[in-house]
Protein backbone atom coordinates (compact mmCIF):
# COMPACT_ATOMS: atom_id res chain seq x y z
CA UNK A 1 0.00 0.00 0.00
CA UNK A 2 1.09 3.52 -0.61
CA UNK A 3 0.38 6.66 1.33
CA UNK A 4 -0.97 8.39 -1.77
CA UNK A 5 2.34 10.02 -2.58
CA UNK A 6 3.93 9.29 -5.91
CA UNK A 7 7.21 7.45 -5.59
CA UNK A 8 9.93 8.54 -7.92
CA UNK A 9 12.82 6.30 -8.72
CA UNK A 10 16.07 7.95 -7.79
CA UNK A 11 18.96 7.64 -10.16
CA UNK A 12 22.13 6.35 -8.55
CA UNK A 13 25.03 8.72 -8.01
CA UNK A 14 27.58 5.94 -7.60
CA UNK A 15 27.87 2.19 -8.06
CA UNK A 16 28.45 0.22 -4.87
CA UNK A 17 31.61 -1.88 -4.90
CA UNK A 18 29.68 -5.13 -4.38
CA UNK A 19 27.34 -4.29 -7.30
CA UNK A 20 30.29 -3.51 -9.58
CA UNK A 21 32.01 -6.76 -8.54
CA UNK A 22 28.84 -8.77 -9.25
CA UNK A 23 28.45 -7.24 -12.72
CA UNK A 24 32.12 -7.77 -13.55
CA UNK A 25 31.88 -11.41 -12.40
CA UNK A 26 29.03 -11.79 -14.92
CA UNK A 27 31.19 -10.52 -17.79
CA UNK A 28 30.28 -6.82 -17.83
CA UNK A 29 33.20 -4.47 -18.57
CA UNK A 30 33.66 -0.74 -18.06
CA UNK A 31 30.81 -0.57 -15.55
CA UNK A 32 29.97 3.10 -15.10
CA UNK A 33 27.19 5.63 -14.66
CA UNK A 34 25.94 7.71 -17.57
CA UNK A 35 23.02 10.06 -17.04
CA UNK A 36 22.28 8.38 -13.70
CA UNK A 37 21.95 4.94 -15.30
CA UNK A 38 24.27 1.99 -14.84
CA UNK A 39 25.96 1.20 -18.16
CA UNK A 40 28.56 -1.33 -19.28
CA UNK A 41 29.97 -3.21 -22.25
CA UNK A 42 29.37 -6.93 -22.68
CA UNK A 43 30.13 -9.43 -25.42
CA UNK A 44 27.28 -11.31 -27.08
CA UNK A 45 27.49 -14.13 -29.63
CA UNK A 46 27.79 -11.99 -32.77
CA UNK A 47 28.17 -8.45 -31.41
CA UNK A 48 29.42 -6.47 -28.46
CA UNK A 49 26.81 -4.41 -26.65
CA UNK A 50 26.79 -1.14 -24.81
CA UNK A 51 24.09 -1.80 -22.22
CA UNK A 52 22.14 1.06 -20.66
CA UNK A 53 20.03 1.08 -17.51
CA UNK A 54 21.32 -2.16 -15.98
CA UNK A 55 19.37 -3.24 -12.91
CA UNK A 56 18.62 -6.53 -11.12
CA UNK A 57 16.05 -7.40 -13.81
CA UNK A 58 18.15 -6.75 -16.94
CA UNK A 59 18.73 -3.56 -18.90
CA UNK A 60 16.71 -0.86 -20.68
CA UNK A 61 18.61 -0.50 -23.95
CA UNK A 62 21.27 -2.40 -25.86
CA UNK A 63 23.39 -0.79 -28.57
CA UNK A 64 24.93 -3.52 -30.72
CA UNK A 65 28.40 -2.94 -32.21
CA UNK A 66 30.35 -5.17 -34.57
CA UNK A 67 33.62 -4.75 -32.64
CA UNK A 68 34.31 -4.52 -28.90
CA UNK A 69 36.63 -1.53 -29.23
CA UNK A 70 33.81 0.45 -30.89
CA UNK A 71 31.41 -0.21 -28.00
CA UNK A 72 34.11 0.60 -25.44
CA UNK A 73 35.00 3.88 -27.18
CA UNK A 74 31.33 4.84 -27.50
CA UNK A 75 30.73 4.31 -23.78
CA UNK A 76 33.87 6.25 -22.84
CA UNK A 77 32.76 9.25 -24.96
CA UNK A 78 29.01 9.18 -24.23
CA UNK A 79 27.47 11.45 -21.56
CA UNK A 80 24.26 9.41 -21.30
CA UNK A 81 22.01 11.76 -23.27
CA UNK A 82 20.53 10.97 -26.65
CA UNK A 83 21.84 7.92 -28.45
CA UNK A 84 25.30 6.51 -27.90
CA UNK A 85 27.82 7.40 -30.59
CA UNK A 86 29.92 5.32 -32.91
CA UNK A 87 28.87 2.80 -35.51
CA UNK A 88 26.22 0.92 -33.55
CA UNK A 89 24.24 -1.36 -35.81
CA UNK A 90 21.00 -1.63 -33.88
CA UNK A 91 19.48 -0.31 -30.66
CA UNK A 92 17.12 -2.72 -28.91
CA UNK A 93 15.02 -2.56 -25.77
CA UNK A 94 11.46 -2.83 -24.54
CA UNK A 95 9.46 -1.47 -27.45
CA UNK A 96 12.59 -0.18 -29.20
CA UNK A 97 14.30 -1.56 -32.28
CA UNK A 98 16.22 1.03 -34.28
CA UNK A 99 18.75 0.70 -37.06
CA UNK A 100 21.51 3.30 -36.87
CA UNK A 101 20.41 6.04 -39.30
CA UNK A 102 24.04 7.02 -39.97
CA UNK A 103 24.76 3.55 -41.39
CA UNK A 104 22.12 3.60 -44.11
CA UNK A 105 23.19 1.97 -47.37
PDB file of N, CA and C in Angstrom:
ATOM      1  N   UNK A   1       0.832  -1.177   0.000  1.00  0.00           N
ATOM      2  CA  UNK A   1       0.000   0.000   0.000  1.00  0.00           C
ATOM      3  C   UNK A   1       0.875   1.238   0.000  1.00  0.00           C
ATOM      4  N   UNK A   2       0.350   2.270  -0.602  1.00  0.00           N
ATOM      5  CA  UNK A   2       1.091   3.518  -0.615  1.00  0.00           C
ATOM      6  C   UNK A   2       0.335   4.570   0.175  1.00  0.00           C
ATOM      7  N   UNK A   3       1.007   5.597   0.546  1.00  0.00           N
ATOM      8  CA  UNK A   3       0.380   6.661   1.327  1.00  0.00           C
ATOM      9  C   UNK A   3      -0.283   7.697   0.438  1.00  0.00           C
ATOM     10  N   UNK A   4      -0.378   7.439  -0.847  1.00  0.00           N
ATOM     11  CA  UNK A   4      -0.972   8.389  -1.770  1.00  0.00           C
ATOM     12  C   UNK A   4       0.058   9.268  -2.452  1.00  0.00           C
ATOM     13  N   UNK A   5       1.280   9.235  -1.962  1.00  0.00           N
ATOM     14  CA  UNK A   5       2.340  10.019  -2.580  1.00  0.00           C
ATOM     15  C   UNK A   5       2.933   9.226  -3.738  1.00  0.00           C
ATOM     16  N   UNK A   6       3.302   9.933  -4.766  1.00  0.00           N
ATOM     17  CA  UNK A   6       3.926   9.287  -5.911  1.00  0.00           C
ATOM     18  C   UNK A   6       5.388   9.029  -5.596  1.00  0.00           C
ATOM     19  N   UNK A   7       5.804   7.791  -5.798  1.00  0.00           N
ATOM     20  CA  UNK A   7       7.213   7.450  -5.586  1.00  0.00           C
ATOM     21  C   UNK A   7       7.968   7.691  -6.876  1.00  0.00           C
ATOM     22  N   UNK A   8       9.068   8.353  -6.763  1.00  0.00           N
ATOM     23  CA  UNK A   8       9.933   8.537  -7.925  1.00  0.00           C
ATOM     24  C   UNK A   8      11.173   7.690  -7.717  1.00  0.00           C
ATOM     25  N   UNK A   9      11.638   7.140  -8.782  1.00  0.00           N
ATOM     26  CA  UNK A   9      12.821   6.296  -8.722  1.00  0.00           C
ATOM     27  C   UNK A   9      14.049   7.180  -8.820  1.00  0.00           C
ATOM     28  N   UNK A  10      14.862   7.144  -7.794  1.00  0.00           N
ATOM     29  CA  UNK A  10      16.074   7.953  -7.795  1.00  0.00           C
ATOM     30  C   UNK A  10      17.142   7.303  -8.648  1.00  0.00           C
ATOM     31  N   UNK A  11      17.837   8.142  -9.362  1.00  0.00           N
ATOM     32  CA  UNK A  11      18.958   7.644 -10.156  1.00  0.00           C
ATOM     33  C   UNK A  11      20.189   7.558  -9.272  1.00  0.00           C
ATOM     34  N   UNK A  12      20.951   6.497  -9.411  1.00  0.00           N
ATOM     35  CA  UNK A  12      22.132   6.349  -8.547  1.00  0.00           C
ATOM     36  C   UNK A  12      23.180   7.423  -8.850  1.00  0.00           C
ATOM     37  N   UNK A  13      23.939   7.772  -7.827  1.00  0.00           N
ATOM     38  CA  UNK A  13      25.030   8.722  -8.006  1.00  0.00           C
ATOM     39  C   UNK A  13      26.377   8.019  -7.978  1.00  0.00           C
ATOM     40  N   UNK A  14      26.366   6.754  -7.553  1.00  0.00           N
ATOM     41  CA  UNK A  14      27.577   5.936  -7.595  1.00  0.00           C
ATOM     42  C   UNK A  14      27.177   4.464  -7.610  1.00  0.00           C
ATOM     43  N   UNK A  15      28.108   3.636  -8.015  1.00  0.00           N
ATOM     44  CA  UNK A  15      27.869   2.191  -8.062  1.00  0.00           C
ATOM     45  C   UNK A  15      28.585   1.573  -6.872  1.00  0.00           C
ATOM     46  N   UNK A  16      27.852   0.870  -6.041  1.00  0.00           N
ATOM     47  CA  UNK A  16      28.450   0.223  -4.871  1.00  0.00           C
ATOM     48  C   UNK A  16      29.471  -0.812  -5.328  1.00  0.00           C
ATOM     49  N   UNK A  17      30.526  -0.960  -4.549  1.00  0.00           N
ATOM     50  CA  UNK A  17      31.610  -1.883  -4.898  1.00  0.00           C
ATOM     51  C   UNK A  17      31.099  -3.304  -5.100  1.00  0.00           C
ATOM     52  N   UNK A  18      30.178  -3.757  -4.250  1.00  0.00           N
ATOM     53  CA  UNK A  18      29.675  -5.129  -4.385  1.00  0.00           C
ATOM     54  C   UNK A  18      28.835  -5.283  -5.661  1.00  0.00           C
ATOM     55  N   UNK A  19      28.120  -4.224  -6.063  1.00  0.00           N
ATOM     56  CA  UNK A  19      27.337  -4.286  -7.301  1.00  0.00           C
ATOM     57  C   UNK A  19      28.259  -4.333  -8.516  1.00  0.00           C
ATOM     58  N   UNK A  20      29.305  -3.508  -8.485  1.00  0.00           N
ATOM     59  CA  UNK A  20      30.289  -3.511  -9.581  1.00  0.00           C
ATOM     60  C   UNK A  20      30.953  -4.883  -9.684  1.00  0.00           C
ATOM     61  N   UNK A  21      31.344  -5.448  -8.551  1.00  0.00           N
ATOM     62  CA  UNK A  21      32.005  -6.761  -8.540  1.00  0.00           C
ATOM     63  C   UNK A  21      31.080  -7.841  -9.101  1.00  0.00           C
ATOM     64  N   UNK A  22      29.804  -7.789  -8.736  1.00  0.00           N
ATOM     65  CA  UNK A  22      28.841  -8.766  -9.249  1.00  0.00           C
ATOM     66  C   UNK A  22      28.696  -8.654 -10.764  1.00  0.00           C
ATOM     67  N   UNK A  23      28.570  -7.438 -11.270  1.00  0.00           N
ATOM     68  CA  UNK A  23      28.445  -7.245 -12.719  1.00  0.00           C
ATOM     69  C   UNK A  23      29.705  -7.704 -13.446  1.00  0.00           C
ATOM     70  N   UNK A  24      30.865  -7.356 -12.913  1.00  0.00           N
ATOM     71  CA  UNK A  24      32.123  -7.767 -13.546  1.00  0.00           C
ATOM     72  C   UNK A  24      32.278  -9.283 -13.530  1.00  0.00           C
ATOM     73  N   UNK A  25      31.820  -9.943 -12.466  1.00  0.00           N
ATOM     74  CA  UNK A  25      31.876 -11.411 -12.398  1.00  0.00           C
ATOM     75  C   UNK A  25      30.969 -12.045 -13.448  1.00  0.00           C
ATOM     76  N   UNK A  26      29.945 -11.299 -13.899  1.00  0.00           N
ATOM     77  CA  UNK A  26      29.030 -11.793 -14.923  1.00  0.00           C
ATOM     78  C   UNK A  26      29.461 -11.394 -16.333  1.00  0.00           C
ATOM     79  N   UNK A  27      30.659 -10.824 -16.465  1.00  0.00           N
ATOM     80  CA  UNK A  27      31.191 -10.518 -17.789  1.00  0.00           C
ATOM     81  C   UNK A  27      30.999  -9.095 -18.277  1.00  0.00           C
ATOM     82  N   UNK A  28      30.440  -8.221 -17.443  1.00  0.00           N
ATOM     83  CA  UNK A  28      30.283  -6.819 -17.827  1.00  0.00           C
ATOM     84  C   UNK A  28      31.636  -6.115 -17.668  1.00  0.00           C
ATOM     85  N   UNK A  29      31.948  -5.235 -18.615  1.00  0.00           N
ATOM     86  CA  UNK A  29      33.200  -4.470 -18.569  1.00  0.00           C
ATOM     87  C   UNK A  29      32.874  -2.978 -18.572  1.00  0.00           C
ATOM     88  N   UNK A  30      33.796  -2.191 -18.102  1.00  0.00           N
ATOM     89  CA  UNK A  30      33.663  -0.738 -18.065  1.00  0.00           C
ATOM     90  C   UNK A  30      32.354  -0.308 -17.397  1.00  0.00           C
ATOM     91  N   UNK A  31      32.037  -0.895 -16.269  1.00  0.00           N
ATOM     92  CA  UNK A  31      30.805  -0.571 -15.548  1.00  0.00           C
ATOM     93  C   UNK A  31      30.905   0.868 -15.049  1.00  0.00           C
ATOM     94  N   UNK A  32      29.936   1.687 -15.433  1.00  0.00           N
ATOM     95  CA  UNK A  32      29.973   3.105 -15.102  1.00  0.00           C
ATOM     96  C   UNK A  32      28.572   3.691 -15.071  1.00  0.00           C
ATOM     97  N   UNK A  33      28.458   4.912 -14.615  1.00  0.00           N
ATOM     98  CA  UNK A  33      27.188   5.632 -14.657  1.00  0.00           C
ATOM     99  C   UNK A  33      27.214   6.640 -15.793  1.00  0.00           C
ATOM    100  N   UNK A  34      26.124   6.703 -16.526  1.00  0.00           N
ATOM    101  CA  UNK A  34      25.940   7.714 -17.567  1.00  0.00           C
ATOM    102  C   UNK A  34      24.511   8.211 -17.430  1.00  0.00           C
ATOM    103  N   UNK A  35      24.359   9.501 -17.186  1.00  0.00           N
ATOM    104  CA  UNK A  35      23.021  10.060 -17.036  1.00  0.00           C
ATOM    105  C   UNK A  35      22.247   9.419 -15.902  1.00  0.00           C
ATOM    106  N   UNK A  36      22.937   9.003 -14.834  1.00  0.00           N
ATOM    107  CA  UNK A  36      22.276   8.382 -13.698  1.00  0.00           C
ATOM    108  C   UNK A  36      21.858   6.943 -13.911  1.00  0.00           C
ATOM    109  N   UNK A  37      22.290   6.349 -15.021  1.00  0.00           N
ATOM    110  CA  UNK A  37      21.951   4.943 -15.304  1.00  0.00           C
ATOM    111  C   UNK A  37      23.228   4.110 -15.328  1.00  0.00           C
ATOM    112  N   UNK A  38      23.136   2.900 -14.820  1.00  0.00           N
ATOM    113  CA  UNK A  38      24.275   1.990 -14.843  1.00  0.00           C
ATOM    114  C   UNK A  38      24.443   1.485 -16.272  1.00  0.00           C
ATOM    115  N   UNK A  39      25.653   1.620 -16.799  1.00  0.00           N
ATOM    116  CA  UNK A  39      25.961   1.200 -18.163  1.00  0.00           C
ATOM    117  C   UNK A  39      27.214   0.334 -18.144  1.00  0.00           C
ATOM    118  N   UNK A  40      27.371  -0.487 -19.170  1.00  0.00           N
ATOM    119  CA  UNK A  40      28.556  -1.332 -19.282  1.00  0.00           C
ATOM    120  C   UNK A  40      28.635  -1.890 -20.700  1.00  0.00           C
ATOM    121  N   UNK A  41      29.745  -2.528 -20.973  1.00  0.00           N
ATOM    122  CA  UNK A  41      29.967  -3.214 -22.247  1.00  0.00           C
ATOM    123  C   UNK A  41      29.997  -4.702 -21.961  1.00  0.00           C
ATOM    124  N   UNK A  42      29.368  -5.476 -22.850  1.00  0.00           N
ATOM    125  CA  UNK A  42      29.366  -6.934 -22.676  1.00  0.00           C
ATOM    126  C   UNK A  42      29.348  -7.606 -24.043  1.00  0.00           C
ATOM    127  N   UNK A  43      30.101  -8.668 -24.177  1.00  0.00           N
ATOM    128  CA  UNK A  43      30.131  -9.433 -25.420  1.00  0.00           C
ATOM    129  C   UNK A  43      28.916 -10.334 -25.548  1.00  0.00           C
ATOM    130  N   UNK A  44      28.370 -10.390 -26.750  1.00  0.00           N
ATOM    131  CA  UNK A  44      27.283 -11.308 -27.085  1.00  0.00           C
ATOM    132  C   UNK A  44      27.827 -12.254 -28.159  1.00  0.00           C
ATOM    133  N   UNK A  45      27.017 -13.131 -28.676  1.00  0.00           N
ATOM    134  CA  UNK A  45      27.494 -14.134 -29.629  1.00  0.00           C
ATOM    135  C   UNK A  45      28.074 -13.495 -30.893  1.00  0.00           C
ATOM    136  N   UNK A  46      27.351 -12.573 -31.518  1.00  0.00           N
ATOM    137  CA  UNK A  46      27.791 -11.992 -32.773  1.00  0.00           C
ATOM    138  C   UNK A  46      28.170 -10.524 -32.692  1.00  0.00           C
ATOM    139  N   UNK A  47      27.891  -9.872 -31.571  1.00  0.00           N
ATOM    140  CA  UNK A  47      28.168  -8.451 -31.415  1.00  0.00           C
ATOM    141  C   UNK A  47      28.697  -8.183 -30.014  1.00  0.00           C
ATOM    142  N   UNK A  48      29.111  -6.941 -29.801  1.00  0.00           N
ATOM    143  CA  UNK A  48      29.422  -6.465 -28.458  1.00  0.00           C
ATOM    144  C   UNK A  48      28.429  -5.354 -28.170  1.00  0.00           C
ATOM    145  N   UNK A  49      27.865  -5.363 -26.981  1.00  0.00           N
ATOM    146  CA  UNK A  49      26.809  -4.410 -26.652  1.00  0.00           C
ATOM    147  C   UNK A  49      27.259  -3.377 -25.641  1.00  0.00           C
ATOM    148  N   UNK A  50      26.742  -2.177 -25.829  1.00  0.00           N
ATOM    149  CA  UNK A  50      26.786  -1.140 -24.813  1.00  0.00           C
ATOM    150  C   UNK A  50      25.403  -1.204 -24.171  1.00  0.00           C
ATOM    151  N   UNK A  51      25.357  -1.616 -22.917  1.00  0.00           N
ATOM    152  CA  UNK A  51      24.091  -1.801 -22.216  1.00  0.00           C
ATOM    153  C   UNK A  51      23.805  -0.586 -21.343  1.00  0.00           C
ATOM    154  N   UNK A  52      22.555  -0.150 -21.358  1.00  0.00           N
ATOM    155  CA  UNK A  52      22.142   1.065 -20.659  1.00  0.00           C
ATOM    156  C   UNK A  52      21.014   0.729 -19.684  1.00  0.00           C
ATOM    157  N   UNK A  53      21.097   1.277 -18.485  1.00  0.00           N
ATOM    158  CA  UNK A  53      20.026   1.081 -17.507  1.00  0.00           C
ATOM    159  C   UNK A  53      20.035  -0.307 -16.896  1.00  0.00           C
ATOM    160  N   UNK A  54      21.211  -0.815 -16.575  1.00  0.00           N
ATOM    161  CA  UNK A  54      21.323  -2.157 -15.984  1.00  0.00           C
ATOM    162  C   UNK A  54      20.767  -2.122 -14.557  1.00  0.00           C
ATOM    163  N   UNK A  55      19.916  -3.102 -14.253  1.00  0.00           N
ATOM    164  CA  UNK A  55      19.365  -3.238 -12.908  1.00  0.00           C
ATOM    165  C   UNK A  55      19.232  -4.732 -12.608  1.00  0.00           C
ATOM    166  N   UNK A  56      18.711  -5.101 -11.449  1.00  0.00           N
ATOM    167  CA  UNK A  56      18.619  -6.532 -11.124  1.00  0.00           C
ATOM    168  C   UNK A  56      17.761  -7.350 -12.085  1.00  0.00           C
ATOM    169  N   UNK A  57      16.948  -6.694 -12.907  1.00  0.00           N
ATOM    170  CA  UNK A  57      16.053  -7.404 -13.809  1.00  0.00           C
ATOM    171  C   UNK A  57      16.559  -7.480 -15.247  1.00  0.00           C
ATOM    172  N   UNK A  58      17.619  -6.759 -15.577  1.00  0.00           N
ATOM    173  CA  UNK A  58      18.147  -6.750 -16.939  1.00  0.00           C
ATOM    174  C   UNK A  58      18.701  -5.385 -17.299  1.00  0.00           C
ATOM    175  N   UNK A  59      18.277  -4.869 -18.454  1.00  0.00           N
ATOM    176  CA  UNK A  59      18.732  -3.556 -18.902  1.00  0.00           C
ATOM    177  C   UNK A  59      17.628  -2.916 -19.735  1.00  0.00           C
ATOM    178  N   UNK A  60      17.728  -1.597 -19.917  1.00  0.00           N
ATOM    179  CA  UNK A  60      16.708  -0.857 -20.677  1.00  0.00           C
ATOM    180  C   UNK A  60      16.985  -0.869 -22.173  1.00  0.00           C
ATOM    181  N   UNK A  61      18.232  -0.583 -22.536  1.00  0.00           N
ATOM    182  CA  UNK A  61      18.612  -0.501 -23.951  1.00  0.00           C
ATOM    183  C   UNK A  61      19.910  -1.249 -24.205  1.00  0.00           C
ATOM    184  N   UNK A  62      20.046  -1.716 -25.435  1.00  0.00           N
ATOM    185  CA  UNK A  62      21.272  -2.395 -25.862  1.00  0.00           C
ATOM    186  C   UNK A  62      21.657  -1.844 -27.218  1.00  0.00           C
ATOM    187  N   UNK A  63      22.833  -1.236 -27.289  1.00  0.00           N
ATOM    188  CA  UNK A  63      23.395  -0.793 -28.573  1.00  0.00           C
ATOM    189  C   UNK A  63      24.363  -1.861 -29.036  1.00  0.00           C
ATOM    190  N   UNK A  64      24.116  -2.427 -30.209  1.00  0.00           N
ATOM    191  CA  UNK A  64      24.935  -3.521 -30.723  1.00  0.00           C
ATOM    192  C   UNK A  64      26.015  -2.975 -31.654  1.00  0.00           C
ATOM    193  N   UNK A  65      27.250  -3.341 -31.398  1.00  0.00           N
ATOM    194  CA  UNK A  65      28.401  -2.939 -32.207  1.00  0.00           C
ATOM    195  C   UNK A  65      29.065  -4.185 -32.780  1.00  0.00           C
ATOM    196  N   UNK A  66      29.658  -4.035 -33.956  1.00  0.00           N
ATOM    197  CA  UNK A  66      30.351  -5.165 -34.573  1.00  0.00           C
ATOM    198  C   UNK A  66      31.617  -5.529 -33.801  1.00  0.00           C
ATOM    199  N   UNK A  67      32.329  -4.515 -33.301  1.00  0.00           N
ATOM    200  CA  UNK A  67      33.620  -4.747 -32.638  1.00  0.00           C
ATOM    201  C   UNK A  67      33.610  -4.202 -31.211  1.00  0.00           C
ATOM    202  N   UNK A  68      34.263  -4.912 -30.314  1.00  0.00           N
ATOM    203  CA  UNK A  68      34.310  -4.523 -28.904  1.00  0.00           C
ATOM    204  C   UNK A  68      34.920  -3.144 -28.716  1.00  0.00           C
ATOM    205  N   UNK A  69      35.981  -2.835 -29.433  1.00  0.00           N
ATOM    206  CA  UNK A  69      36.633  -1.534 -29.228  1.00  0.00           C
ATOM    207  C   UNK A  69      35.711  -0.375 -29.598  1.00  0.00           C
ATOM    208  N   UNK A  70      34.766  -0.593 -30.518  1.00  0.00           N
ATOM    209  CA  UNK A  70      33.808   0.453 -30.888  1.00  0.00           C
ATOM    210  C   UNK A  70      32.823   0.704 -29.747  1.00  0.00           C
ATOM    211  N   UNK A  71      32.337  -0.348 -29.129  1.00  0.00           N
ATOM    212  CA  UNK A  71      31.414  -0.207 -27.997  1.00  0.00           C
ATOM    213  C   UNK A  71      32.117   0.443 -26.809  1.00  0.00           C
ATOM    214  N   UNK A  72      33.347   0.040 -26.549  1.00  0.00           N
ATOM    215  CA  UNK A  72      34.106   0.602 -25.440  1.00  0.00           C
ATOM    216  C   UNK A  72      34.373   2.089 -25.652  1.00  0.00           C
ATOM    217  N   UNK A  73      34.747   2.472 -26.873  1.00  0.00           N
ATOM    218  CA  UNK A  73      34.999   3.883 -27.176  1.00  0.00           C
ATOM    219  C   UNK A  73      33.710   4.696 -27.075  1.00  0.00           C
ATOM    220  N   UNK A  74      32.608   4.136 -27.559  1.00  0.00           N
ATOM    221  CA  UNK A  74      31.327   4.843 -27.501  1.00  0.00           C
ATOM    222  C   UNK A  74      30.926   5.112 -26.053  1.00  0.00           C
ATOM    223  N   UNK A  75      31.083   4.129 -25.180  1.00  0.00           N
ATOM    224  CA  UNK A  75      30.734   4.315 -23.779  1.00  0.00           C
ATOM    225  C   UNK A  75      31.645   5.357 -23.131  1.00  0.00           C
ATOM    226  N   UNK A  76      32.923   5.299 -23.429  1.00  0.00           N
ATOM    227  CA  UNK A  76      33.868   6.247 -22.841  1.00  0.00           C
ATOM    228  C   UNK A  76      33.551   7.690 -23.237  1.00  0.00           C
ATOM    229  N   UNK A  77      33.027   7.894 -24.443  1.00  0.00           N
ATOM    230  CA  UNK A  77      32.765   9.246 -24.956  1.00  0.00           C
ATOM    231  C   UNK A  77      31.343   9.737 -24.683  1.00  0.00           C
ATOM    232  N   UNK A  78      30.433   8.854 -24.343  1.00  0.00           N
ATOM    233  CA  UNK A  78      29.015   9.184 -24.227  1.00  0.00           C
ATOM    234  C   UNK A  78      28.692   9.777 -22.860  1.00  0.00           C
ATOM    235  N   UNK A  79      27.861  10.833 -22.823  1.00  0.00           N
ATOM    236  CA  UNK A  79      27.467  11.447 -21.557  1.00  0.00           C
ATOM    237  C   UNK A  79      26.129  10.917 -21.039  1.00  0.00           C
ATOM    238  N   UNK A  80      25.507  10.013 -21.753  1.00  0.00           N
ATOM    239  CA  UNK A  80      24.259   9.413 -21.304  1.00  0.00           C
ATOM    240  C   UNK A  80      23.012  10.066 -21.865  1.00  0.00           C
ATOM    241  N   UNK A  81      23.168  11.124 -22.665  1.00  0.00           N
ATOM    242  CA  UNK A  81      22.009  11.764 -23.273  1.00  0.00           C
ATOM    243  C   UNK A  81      21.923  11.395 -24.747  1.00  0.00           C
ATOM    244  N   UNK A  82      20.713  11.350 -25.255  1.00  0.00           N
ATOM    245  CA  UNK A  82      20.526  10.974 -26.653  1.00  0.00           C
ATOM    246  C   UNK A  82      20.994   9.546 -26.879  1.00  0.00           C
ATOM    247  N   UNK A  83      21.325   9.254 -28.125  1.00  0.00           N
ATOM    248  CA  UNK A  83      21.843   7.923 -28.455  1.00  0.00           C
ATOM    249  C   UNK A  83      23.352   7.892 -28.267  1.00  0.00           C
ATOM    250  N   UNK A  84      23.857   6.706 -27.972  1.00  0.00           N
ATOM    251  CA  UNK A  84      25.302   6.505 -27.898  1.00  0.00           C
ATOM    252  C   UNK A  84      25.893   6.769 -29.280  1.00  0.00           C
ATOM    253  N   UNK A  85      27.155   7.109 -29.323  1.00  0.00           N
ATOM    254  CA  UNK A  85      27.820   7.401 -30.587  1.00  0.00           C
ATOM    255  C   UNK A  85      28.443   6.163 -31.203  1.00  0.00           C
ATOM    256  N   UNK A  86      29.212   6.406 -32.244  1.00  0.00           N
ATOM    257  CA  UNK A  86      29.917   5.318 -32.910  1.00  0.00           C
ATOM    258  C   UNK A  86      29.022   4.537 -33.853  1.00  0.00           C
ATOM    259  N   UNK A  87      29.599   3.557 -34.484  1.00  0.00           N
ATOM    260  CA  UNK A  87      28.870   2.798 -35.510  1.00  0.00           C
ATOM    261  C   UNK A  87      28.016   1.661 -34.965  1.00  0.00           C
ATOM    262  N   UNK A  88      27.106   1.979 -34.027  1.00  0.00           N
ATOM    263  CA  UNK A  88      26.223   0.920 -33.553  1.00  0.00           C
ATOM    264  C   UNK A  88      25.329   0.490 -34.710  1.00  0.00           C
ATOM    265  N   UNK A  89      25.028  -0.776 -34.729  1.00  0.00           N
ATOM    266  CA  UNK A  89      24.241  -1.359 -35.811  1.00  0.00           C
ATOM    267  C   UNK A  89      22.757  -1.246 -35.499  1.00  0.00           C
ATOM    268  N   UNK A  90      22.405  -1.607 -34.279  1.00  0.00           N
ATOM    269  CA  UNK A  90      21.001  -1.625 -33.880  1.00  0.00           C
ATOM    270  C   UNK A  90      20.900  -1.273 -32.405  1.00  0.00           C
ATOM    271  N   UNK A  91      19.806  -0.609 -32.059  1.00  0.00           N
ATOM    272  CA  UNK A  91      19.479  -0.313 -30.660  1.00  0.00           C
ATOM    273  C   UNK A  91      18.208  -1.084 -30.349  1.00  0.00           C
ATOM    274  N   UNK A  92      18.267  -1.899 -29.292  1.00  0.00           N
ATOM    275  CA  UNK A  92      17.118  -2.719 -28.906  1.00  0.00           C
ATOM    276  C   UNK A  92      16.777  -2.491 -27.442  1.00  0.00           C
ATOM    277  N   UNK A  93      15.504  -2.656 -27.143  1.00  0.00           N
ATOM    278  CA  UNK A  93      15.024  -2.557 -25.772  1.00  0.00           C
ATOM    279  C   UNK A  93      13.537  -2.821 -25.767  1.00  0.00           C
ATOM    280  N   UNK A  94      12.905  -2.613 -24.629  1.00  0.00           N
ATOM    281  CA  UNK A  94      11.465  -2.826 -24.535  1.00  0.00           C
ATOM    282  C   UNK A  94      10.747  -1.830 -25.431  1.00  0.00           C
ATOM    283  N   UNK A  95      10.175  -2.322 -26.510  1.00  0.00           N
ATOM    284  CA  UNK A  95       9.458  -1.467 -27.449  1.00  0.00           C
ATOM    285  C   UNK A  95      10.339  -0.650 -28.367  1.00  0.00           C
ATOM    286  N   UNK A  96      11.643  -0.931 -28.377  1.00  0.00           N
ATOM    287  CA  UNK A  96      12.589  -0.176 -29.200  1.00  0.00           C
ATOM    288  C   UNK A  96      13.372  -1.131 -30.087  1.00  0.00           C
ATOM    289  N   UNK A  97      13.414  -0.837 -31.364  1.00  0.00           N
ATOM    290  CA  UNK A  97      14.296  -1.556 -32.283  1.00  0.00           C
ATOM    291  C   UNK A  97      14.624  -0.603 -33.420  1.00  0.00           C
ATOM    292  N   UNK A  98      15.803   0.025 -33.306  1.00  0.00           N
ATOM    293  CA  UNK A  98      16.217   1.029 -34.280  1.00  0.00           C
ATOM    294  C   UNK A  98      17.463   0.589 -35.016  1.00  0.00           C
ATOM    295  N   UNK A  99      17.503   0.829 -36.305  1.00  0.00           N
ATOM    296  CA  UNK A  99      18.745   0.698 -37.055  1.00  0.00           C
ATOM    297  C   UNK A  99      19.443   2.045 -36.983  1.00  0.00           C
ATOM    298  N   UNK A 100      20.762   2.050 -36.935  1.00  0.00           N
ATOM    299  CA  UNK A 100      21.508   3.303 -36.868  1.00  0.00           C
ATOM    300  C   UNK A 100      21.303   4.081 -38.156  1.00  0.00           C
ATOM    301  N   UNK A 101      20.681   5.265 -38.085  1.00  0.00           N
ATOM    302  CA  UNK A 101      20.413   6.040 -39.301  1.00  0.00           C
ATOM    303  C   UNK A 101      21.679   6.491 -40.018  1.00  0.00           C
ATOM    304  N   UNK A 102      22.805   6.616 -39.293  1.00  0.00           N
ATOM    305  CA  UNK A 102      24.037   7.017 -39.970  1.00  0.00           C
ATOM    306  C   UNK A 102      24.703   5.892 -40.748  1.00  0.00           C
ATOM    307  N   UNK A 103      24.177   4.689 -40.651  1.00  0.00           N
ATOM    308  CA  UNK A 103      24.760   3.554 -41.393  1.00  0.00           C
ATOM    309  C   UNK A 103      23.884   3.110 -42.552  1.00  0.00           C
ATOM    310  N   UNK A 104      23.007   3.988 -43.018  1.00  0.00           N
ATOM    311  CA  UNK A 104      22.121   3.603 -44.114  1.00  0.00           C
ATOM    312  C   UNK A 104      22.928   3.351 -45.380  1.00  0.00           C
ATOM    313  N   UNK A 105      22.484   2.379 -46.146  1.00  0.00           N
ATOM    314  CA  UNK A 105      23.190   1.974 -47.371  1.00  0.00           C
ATOM    315  C   UNK A 105      22.928   2.918 -48.519  1.00  0.00           C
TER     316      UNK A 105
END
